[in-house]
C-alpha atoms as a PDB file:
ATOM      1  CA  UNK A   1       0.000   0.000   0.000  1.00  0.00           C
ATOM      2  CA  UNK A   2       2.724   2.456   1.023  1.00  0.00           C
ATOM      3  CA  UNK A   3       4.610   1.692  -2.192  1.00  0.00           C
ATOM      4  CA  UNK A   4       1.461   2.374  -4.209  1.00  0.00           C
ATOM      5  CA  UNK A   5       0.944   5.702  -2.430  1.00  0.00           C
ATOM      6  CA  UNK A   6       4.563   6.605  -3.044  1.00  0.00           C
ATOM      7  CA  UNK A   7       4.145   5.942  -6.762  1.00  0.00           C
ATOM      8  CA  UNK A   8       0.921   7.959  -6.751  1.00  0.00           C
ATOM      9  CA  UNK A   9       2.731  11.026  -5.431  1.00  0.00           C
ATOM     10  CA  UNK A  10       5.754  10.722  -7.693  1.00  0.00           C
ATOM     11  CA  UNK A  11       6.002  13.714 -10.033  1.00  0.00           C
ATOM     12  CA  UNK A  12       4.881  12.934 -13.579  1.00  0.00           C
ATOM     13  CA  UNK A  13       7.735  12.187 -15.986  1.00  0.00           C
ATOM     14  CA  UNK A  14       8.947  15.261 -17.829  1.00  0.00           C
ATOM     15  CA  UNK A  15       7.949  15.376 -21.460  1.00  0.00           C
ATOM     16  CA  UNK A  16      10.949  15.374 -23.713  1.00  0.00           C
ATOM     17  CA  UNK A  17      11.030  18.356 -25.993  1.00  0.00           C
ATOM     18  CA  UNK A  18      11.119  17.755 -29.697  1.00  0.00           C
ATOM     19  CA  UNK A  19      13.189  20.627 -31.126  1.00  0.00           C
ATOM     20  CA  UNK A  20      12.298  19.849 -34.726  1.00  0.00           C
ATOM     21  CA  UNK A  21       8.580  19.697 -33.951  1.00  0.00           C
ATOM     22  CA  UNK A  22       8.763  23.030 -32.133  1.00  0.00           C
ATOM     23  CA  UNK A  23      10.682  24.607 -34.996  1.00  0.00           C
ATOM     24  CA  UNK A  24       8.091  23.335 -37.490  1.00  0.00           C
ATOM     25  CA  UNK A  25       5.259  24.670 -35.328  1.00  0.00           C
ATOM     26  CA  UNK A  26       6.900  28.100 -35.412  1.00  0.00           C
ATOM     27  CA  UNK A  27       7.318  27.955 -39.198  1.00  0.00           C
ATOM     28  CA  UNK A  28       3.715  26.819 -39.712  1.00  0.00           C
ATOM     29  CA  UNK A  29       2.458  29.629 -37.470  1.00  0.00           C
ATOM     30  CA  UNK A  30       4.484  32.200 -39.387  1.00  0.00           C
ATOM     31  CA  UNK A  31       3.173  30.839 -42.700  1.00  0.00           C
ATOM     32  CA  UNK A  32      -0.424  31.111 -41.466  1.00  0.00           C
ATOM     33  CA  UNK A  33       0.166  34.693 -40.361  1.00  0.00           C
ATOM     34  CA  UNK A  34       1.767  35.639 -43.669  1.00  0.00           C
ATOM     35  CA  UNK A  35      -1.401  34.433 -45.402  1.00  0.00           C
ATOM     36  CA  UNK A  36      -3.568  36.426 -42.992  1.00  0.00           C
ATOM     37  CA  UNK A  37      -1.661  39.687 -42.522  1.00  0.00           C
ATOM     38  CA  UNK A  38       1.154  39.738 -45.089  1.00  0.00           C
ATOM     39  CA  UNK A  39       4.894  39.155 -45.047  1.00  0.00           C
ATOM     40  CA  UNK A  40       5.912  42.529 -43.640  1.00  0.00           C
ATOM     41  CA  UNK A  41       3.349  42.571 -40.826  1.00  0.00           C
ATOM     42  CA  UNK A  42       4.411  39.490 -38.869  1.00  0.00           C
ATOM     43  CA  UNK A  43       6.458  39.821 -35.670  1.00  0.00           C
ATOM     44  CA  UNK A  44       8.208  37.401 -33.325  1.00  0.00           C
ATOM     45  CA  UNK A  45       5.525  38.050 -30.707  1.00  0.00           C
ATOM     46  CA  UNK A  46       2.680  37.270 -33.119  1.00  0.00           C
ATOM     47  CA  UNK A  47       4.330  34.051 -34.267  1.00  0.00           C
ATOM     48  CA  UNK A  48       5.097  32.913 -30.713  1.00  0.00           C
ATOM     49  CA  UNK A  49       1.476  33.490 -29.686  1.00  0.00           C
ATOM     50  CA  UNK A  50       0.133  31.591 -32.689  1.00  0.00           C
ATOM     51  CA  UNK A  51       2.552  28.689 -32.176  1.00  0.00           C
ATOM     52  CA  UNK A  52       1.898  28.686 -28.403  1.00  0.00           C
ATOM     53  CA  UNK A  53       5.600  28.837 -27.554  1.00  0.00           C
ATOM     54  CA  UNK A  54       7.620  31.251 -25.409  1.00  0.00           C
ATOM     55  CA  UNK A  55       8.683  34.414 -27.195  1.00  0.00           C
ATOM     56  CA  UNK A  56      12.331  33.458 -26.843  1.00  0.00           C
ATOM     57  CA  UNK A  57      11.747  30.226 -28.762  1.00  0.00           C
ATOM     58  CA  UNK A  58      11.361  32.093 -32.045  1.00  0.00           C
ATOM     59  CA  UNK A  59      14.797  33.701 -31.707  1.00  0.00           C
ATOM     60  CA  UNK A  60      16.256  30.431 -30.452  1.00  0.00           C
ATOM     61  CA  UNK A  61      15.496  28.781 -33.786  1.00  0.00           C
ATOM     62  CA  UNK A  62      15.724  31.839 -36.074  1.00  0.00           C
ATOM     63  CA  UNK A  63      18.387  34.488 -35.544  1.00  0.00           C
ATOM     64  CA  UNK A  64      16.427  37.228 -37.297  1.00  0.00           C
ATOM     65  CA  UNK A  65      12.868  37.934 -38.334  1.00  0.00           C
ATOM     66  CA  UNK A  66      13.993  37.746 -41.952  1.00  0.00           C
ATOM     67  CA  UNK A  67      15.227  34.197 -41.364  1.00  0.00           C
ATOM     68  CA  UNK A  68      11.829  33.275 -39.948  1.00  0.00           C
ATOM     69  CA  UNK A  69      10.026  34.929 -42.856  1.00  0.00           C
ATOM     70  CA  UNK A  70      12.198  33.061 -45.352  1.00  0.00           C
ATOM     71  CA  UNK A  71      11.423  29.736 -43.672  1.00  0.00           C
ATOM     72  CA  UNK A  72       7.691  30.509 -43.656  1.00  0.00           C
ATOM     73  CA  UNK A  73       7.683  31.535 -47.296  1.00  0.00           C
ATOM     74  CA  UNK A  74       9.562  28.352 -48.117  1.00  0.00           C
ATOM     75  CA  UNK A  75       6.785  26.428 -46.374  1.00  0.00           C
ATOM     76  CA  UNK A  76       4.155  28.219 -48.445  1.00  0.00           C
ATOM     77  CA  UNK A  77       6.063  27.519 -51.630  1.00  0.00           C
ATOM     78  CA  UNK A  78       6.197  23.836 -50.768  1.00  0.00           C
ATOM     79  CA  UNK A  79       2.391  23.894 -50.709  1.00  0.00           C
ATOM     80  CA  UNK A  80       2.333  25.627 -54.088  1.00  0.00           C
ATOM     81  CA  UNK A  81       4.841  23.115 -55.444  1.00  0.00           C
ATOM     82  CA  UNK A  82       2.700  20.234 -54.207  1.00  0.00           C
ATOM     83  CA  UNK A  83      -0.320  21.736 -55.967  1.00  0.00           C
ATOM     84  CA  UNK A  84       1.668  22.006 -59.192  1.00  0.00           C
ATOM     85  CA  UNK A  85       2.468  18.316 -58.947  1.00  0.00           C
ATOM     86  CA  UNK A  86      -1.209  17.560 -58.355  1.00  0.00           C
ATOM     87  CA  UNK A  87      -2.018  19.637 -61.447  1.00  0.00           C
ATOM     88  CA  UNK A  88       0.495  17.670 -63.496  1.00  0.00           C
ATOM     89  CA  UNK A  89      -0.968  14.366 -62.355  1.00  0.00           C
ATOM     90  CA  UNK A  90      -4.523  15.539 -63.085  1.00  0.00           C
ATOM     91  CA  UNK A  91      -3.558  16.548 -66.616  1.00  0.00           C
ATOM     92  CA  UNK A  92      -1.794  13.244 -67.194  1.00  0.00           C
ATOM     93  CA  UNK A  93      -4.984  11.452 -66.146  1.00  0.00           C
ATOM     94  CA  UNK A  94      -7.497  13.703 -67.946  1.00  0.00           C
ATOM     95  CA  UNK A  95      -5.491  15.117 -70.828  1.00  0.00           C
ATOM     96  CA  UNK A  96      -4.769  18.807 -71.327  1.00  0.00           C
ATOM     97  CA  UNK A  97      -7.742  19.912 -73.390  1.00  0.00           C
ATOM     98  CA  UNK A  98      -9.240  23.316 -72.663  1.00  0.00           C
ATOM     99  CA  UNK A  99     -12.099  21.675 -70.755  1.00  0.00           C
ATOM    100  CA  UNK A 100      -9.830  19.482 -68.613  1.00  0.00           C
ATOM    101  CA  UNK A 101      -7.388  22.291 -67.835  1.00  0.00           C
ATOM    102  CA  UNK A 102     -10.179  24.743 -67.028  1.00  0.00           C
ATOM    103  CA  UNK A 103     -11.695  22.241 -64.576  1.00  0.00           C
ATOM    104  CA  UNK A 104      -8.354  21.741 -62.812  1.00  0.00           C
ATOM    105  CA  UNK A 105      -7.616  25.469 -62.584  1.00  0.00           C
ATOM    106  CA  UNK A 106     -11.115  26.385 -61.437  1.00  0.00           C
ATOM    107  CA  UNK A 107     -10.966  23.651 -58.803  1.00  0.00           C
ATOM    108  CA  UNK A 108      -7.867  25.313 -57.358  1.00  0.00           C
ATOM    109  CA  UNK A 109      -9.425  28.782 -57.502  1.00  0.00           C
ATOM    110  CA  UNK A 110     -12.500  27.796 -55.496  1.00  0.00           C
ATOM    111  CA  UNK A 111     -10.312  26.385 -52.701  1.00  0.00           C
ATOM    112  CA  UNK A 112     -10.144  29.208 -50.150  1.00  0.00           C
ATOM    113  CA  UNK A 113      -6.842  28.070 -48.627  1.00  0.00           C
ATOM    114  CA  UNK A 114      -5.246  27.780 -52.058  1.00  0.00           C
ATOM    115  CA  UNK A 115      -6.395  31.288 -52.936  1.00  0.00           C
ATOM    116  CA  UNK A 116      -5.015  32.696 -49.679  1.00  0.00           C
ATOM    117  CA  UNK A 117      -1.697  30.946 -50.198  1.00  0.00           C
ATOM    118  CA  UNK A 118      -1.454  32.156 -53.778  1.00  0.00           C
ATOM    119  CA  UNK A 119      -2.264  35.708 -52.668  1.00  0.00           C
ATOM    120  CA  UNK A 120       0.555  35.640 -50.102  1.00  0.00           C
ATOM    121  CA  UNK A 121       3.103  34.185 -52.515  1.00  0.00           C
ATOM    122  CA  UNK A 122       2.174  36.444 -55.432  1.00  0.00           C
ATOM    123  CA  UNK A 123       2.176  39.555 -53.218  1.00  0.00           C
ATOM    124  CA  UNK A 124       5.562  38.640 -51.782  1.00  0.00           C
ATOM    125  CA  UNK A 125       6.954  37.928 -55.249  1.00  0.00           C
ATOM    126  CA  UNK A 126       6.263  41.530 -56.293  1.00  0.00           C
ATOM    127  CA  UNK A 127       8.847  42.752 -53.767  1.00  0.00           C
ATOM    128  CA  UNK A 128      11.217  39.789 -53.473  1.00  0.00           C
ATOM    129  CA  UNK A 129      13.407  38.934 -56.497  1.00  0.00           C
ATOM    130  CA  UNK A 130      13.952  35.398 -55.177  1.00  0.00           C
ATOM    131  CA  UNK A 131      10.232  34.741 -55.122  1.00  0.00           C
ATOM    132  CA  UNK A 132       9.781  36.293 -58.559  1.00  0.00           C
ATOM    133  CA  UNK A 133      12.237  33.739 -59.888  1.00  0.00           C
ATOM    134  CA  UNK A 134      10.282  30.934 -58.214  1.00  0.00           C
ATOM    135  CA  UNK A 135       6.988  32.318 -59.562  1.00  0.00           C
ATOM    136  CA  UNK A 136       8.455  32.407 -63.076  1.00  0.00           C
ATOM    137  CA  UNK A 137       9.629  28.831 -62.631  1.00  0.00           C
ATOM    138  CA  UNK A 138       6.129  27.719 -61.643  1.00  0.00           C
ATOM    139  CA  UNK A 139       4.646  29.393 -64.721  1.00  0.00           C
ATOM    140  CA  UNK A 140       7.269  27.732 -66.906  1.00  0.00           C
ATOM    141  CA  UNK A 141       6.476  24.370 -65.349  1.00  0.00           C
ATOM    142  CA  UNK A 142       2.783  24.793 -66.151  1.00  0.00           C
ATOM    143  CA  UNK A 143       3.671  25.575 -69.757  1.00  0.00           C
ATOM    144  CA  UNK A 144       5.849  22.464 -69.760  1.00  0.00           C
ATOM    145  CA  UNK A 145       2.832  20.329 -68.842  1.00  0.00           C
ATOM    146  CA  UNK A 146       1.082  21.539 -72.009  1.00  0.00           C
ATOM    147  CA  UNK A 147       3.854  21.705 -74.575  1.00  0.00           C
ATOM    148  CA  UNK A 148       3.681  18.106 -75.819  1.00  0.00           C
ATOM    149  CA  UNK A 149       0.009  18.377 -76.761  1.00  0.00           C
ATOM    150  CA  UNK A 150      -0.220  22.019 -77.820  1.00  0.00           C
ATOM    151  CA  UNK A 151       3.287  23.121 -78.862  1.00  0.00           C
ATOM    152  CA  UNK A 152       5.549  25.691 -77.179  1.00  0.00           C
ATOM    153  CA  UNK A 153       3.814  28.860 -78.377  1.00  0.00           C
ATOM    154  CA  UNK A 154       0.300  27.875 -77.333  1.00  0.00           C
ATOM    155  CA  UNK A 155       1.580  26.345 -74.085  1.00  0.00           C
ATOM    156  CA  UNK A 156       3.345  29.609 -73.196  1.00  0.00           C
ATOM    157  CA  UNK A 157       0.273  31.648 -74.111  1.00  0.00           C
ATOM    158  CA  UNK A 158      -1.953  29.430 -71.977  1.00  0.00           C
ATOM    159  CA  UNK A 159       0.399  29.728 -68.981  1.00  0.00           C
ATOM    160  CA  UNK A 160       0.452  33.503 -69.351  1.00  0.00           C
ATOM    161  CA  UNK A 161      -3.342  33.581 -69.562  1.00  0.00           C
ATOM    162  CA  UNK A 162      -3.618  31.468 -66.398  1.00  0.00           C
ATOM    163  CA  UNK A 163      -1.243  33.858 -64.607  1.00  0.00           C
ATOM    164  CA  UNK A 164      -3.766  36.543 -65.503  1.00  0.00           C
ATOM    165  CA  UNK A 165      -6.657  34.390 -64.290  1.00  0.00           C
ATOM    166  CA  UNK A 166      -4.969  34.158 -60.903  1.00  0.00           C
ATOM    167  CA  UNK A 167      -4.489  37.929 -60.660  1.00  0.00           C
ATOM    168  CA  UNK A 168      -8.058  38.536 -61.813  1.00  0.00           C
ATOM    169  CA  UNK A 169      -9.421  36.167 -59.183  1.00  0.00           C
ATOM    170  CA  UNK A 170      -7.234  37.627 -56.438  1.00  0.00           C
ATOM    171  CA  UNK A 171      -8.187  41.256 -57.005  1.00  0.00           C
ATOM    172  CA  UNK A 172     -11.893  40.420 -57.315  1.00  0.00           C
ATOM    173  CA  UNK A 173     -11.928  37.995 -54.379  1.00  0.00           C
ATOM    174  CA  UNK A 174     -13.790  35.412 -56.432  1.00  0.00           C
ATOM    175  CA  UNK A 175     -12.752  32.785 -58.963  1.00  0.00           C
ATOM    176  CA  UNK A 176     -13.196  33.443 -62.655  1.00  0.00           C
ATOM    177  CA  UNK A 177     -16.098  31.286 -63.922  1.00  0.00           C
ATOM    178  CA  UNK A 178     -14.989  27.972 -65.380  1.00  0.00           C
ATOM    179  CA  UNK A 179     -16.815  28.422 -68.736  1.00  0.00           C
ATOM    180  CA  UNK A 180     -14.917  31.656 -69.373  1.00  0.00           C
ATOM    181  CA  UNK A 181     -11.580  29.985 -68.588  1.00  0.00           C
ATOM    182  CA  UNK A 182     -12.475  27.099 -70.895  1.00  0.00           C
ATOM    183  CA  UNK A 183     -13.594  29.404 -73.716  1.00  0.00           C
ATOM    184  CA  UNK A 184     -10.372  31.424 -73.594  1.00  0.00           C
ATOM    185  CA  UNK A 185      -8.168  28.320 -73.431  1.00  0.00           C
ATOM    186  CA  UNK A 186     -10.044  26.802 -76.357  1.00  0.00           C
ATOM    187  CA  UNK A 187      -9.231  29.924 -78.354  1.00  0.00           C
ATOM    188  CA  UNK A 188      -5.562  29.664 -77.410  1.00  0.00           C
ATOM    189  CA  UNK A 189      -5.423  25.947 -78.222  1.00  0.00           C
ATOM    190  CA  UNK A 190      -7.442  26.297 -81.421  1.00  0.00           C
ATOM    191  CA  UNK A 191     -10.125  23.928 -80.153  1.00  0.00           C
ATOM    192  CA  UNK A 192     -13.781  23.920 -81.078  1.00  0.00           C
ATOM    193  CA  UNK A 193     -16.024  24.748 -78.135  1.00  0.00           C
ATOM    194  CA  UNK A 194     -19.587  23.532 -77.729  1.00  0.00           C
ATOM    195  CA  UNK A 195     -20.857  27.084 -77.985  1.00  0.00           C
ATOM    196  CA  UNK A 196     -18.974  27.944 -81.169  1.00  0.00           C
ATOM    197  CA  UNK A 197     -20.585  26.983 -84.475  1.00  0.00           C
ATOM    198  CA  UNK A 198     -18.746  24.439 -86.577  1.00  0.00           C
ATOM    199  CA  UNK A 199     -19.138  26.588 -89.692  1.00  0.00           C
ATOM    200  CA  UNK A 200     -19.932  30.180 -90.439  1.00  0.00           C
ATOM    201  CA  UNK A 201     -23.568  30.878 -89.628  1.00  0.00           C
ATOM    202  CA  UNK A 202     -25.802  31.196 -92.676  1.00  0.00           C
ATOM    203  CA  UNK A 203     -26.388  34.704 -93.878  1.00  0.00           C
ATOM    204  CA  UNK A 204     -29.946  35.967 -93.646  1.00  0.00           C
ATOM    205  CA  UNK A 205     -31.822  35.818 -96.935  1.00  0.00           C
ATOM    206  CA  UNK A 206     -32.221  39.087 -98.747  1.00  0.00           C
ATOM    207  CA  UNK A 207     -35.690  40.511 -98.778  1.00  0.00           C
ATOM    208  CA  UNK A 208     -37.093  40.949-102.242  1.00  0.00           C
ATOM    209  CA  UNK A 209     -37.354  44.556-103.281  1.00  0.00           C
ATOM    210  CA  UNK A 210     -40.960  45.733-103.466  1.00  0.00           C
ATOM    211  CA  UNK A 211     -42.254  45.812-106.977  1.00  0.00           C
ATOM    212  CA  UNK A 212     -42.744  49.175-108.547  1.00  0.00           C
END
């Protein structure tokens, strides 16, 4: 009995800290805040509060706020990179027709988290040359997914158009409608859409001139 009571009053074993897990929690918190408030607005105090860690933990793992921002942006870009891979796989499975590509792109645009992430990355890329290079690389990769089926010129034009679709959706806070994306891509790819007539519409018959 006394031994059981002694064990009952023993202090609980101390939880071993996982430095890598804590570091990742800080990075994830900073990435979330960048999406919410922007790259330049985050602070060590905000990140520590979001990650539920002591304020000193942020400077323990990251010497400067810029280092923390870089790690958070890298985390966001990993998400973007993963989405690009998902896009590639979807186009391999469905083909890269205007209809298939429009469905994939619109599916990403209606995802609120994807839109927020894209907004943060695109906004940061305007001011950060490193991120501009990464953004250009992502656009080039999208064109690369299309080049085998549509040729380099049309693939590049489609990628540029989809860059514009992203900007349009970001500034309007709503995704561009899928039929409009499909119609524009069909024009770029030279495809026939369901709405477009197969031949020139017949001209209206001339009315006979009234007899004198």
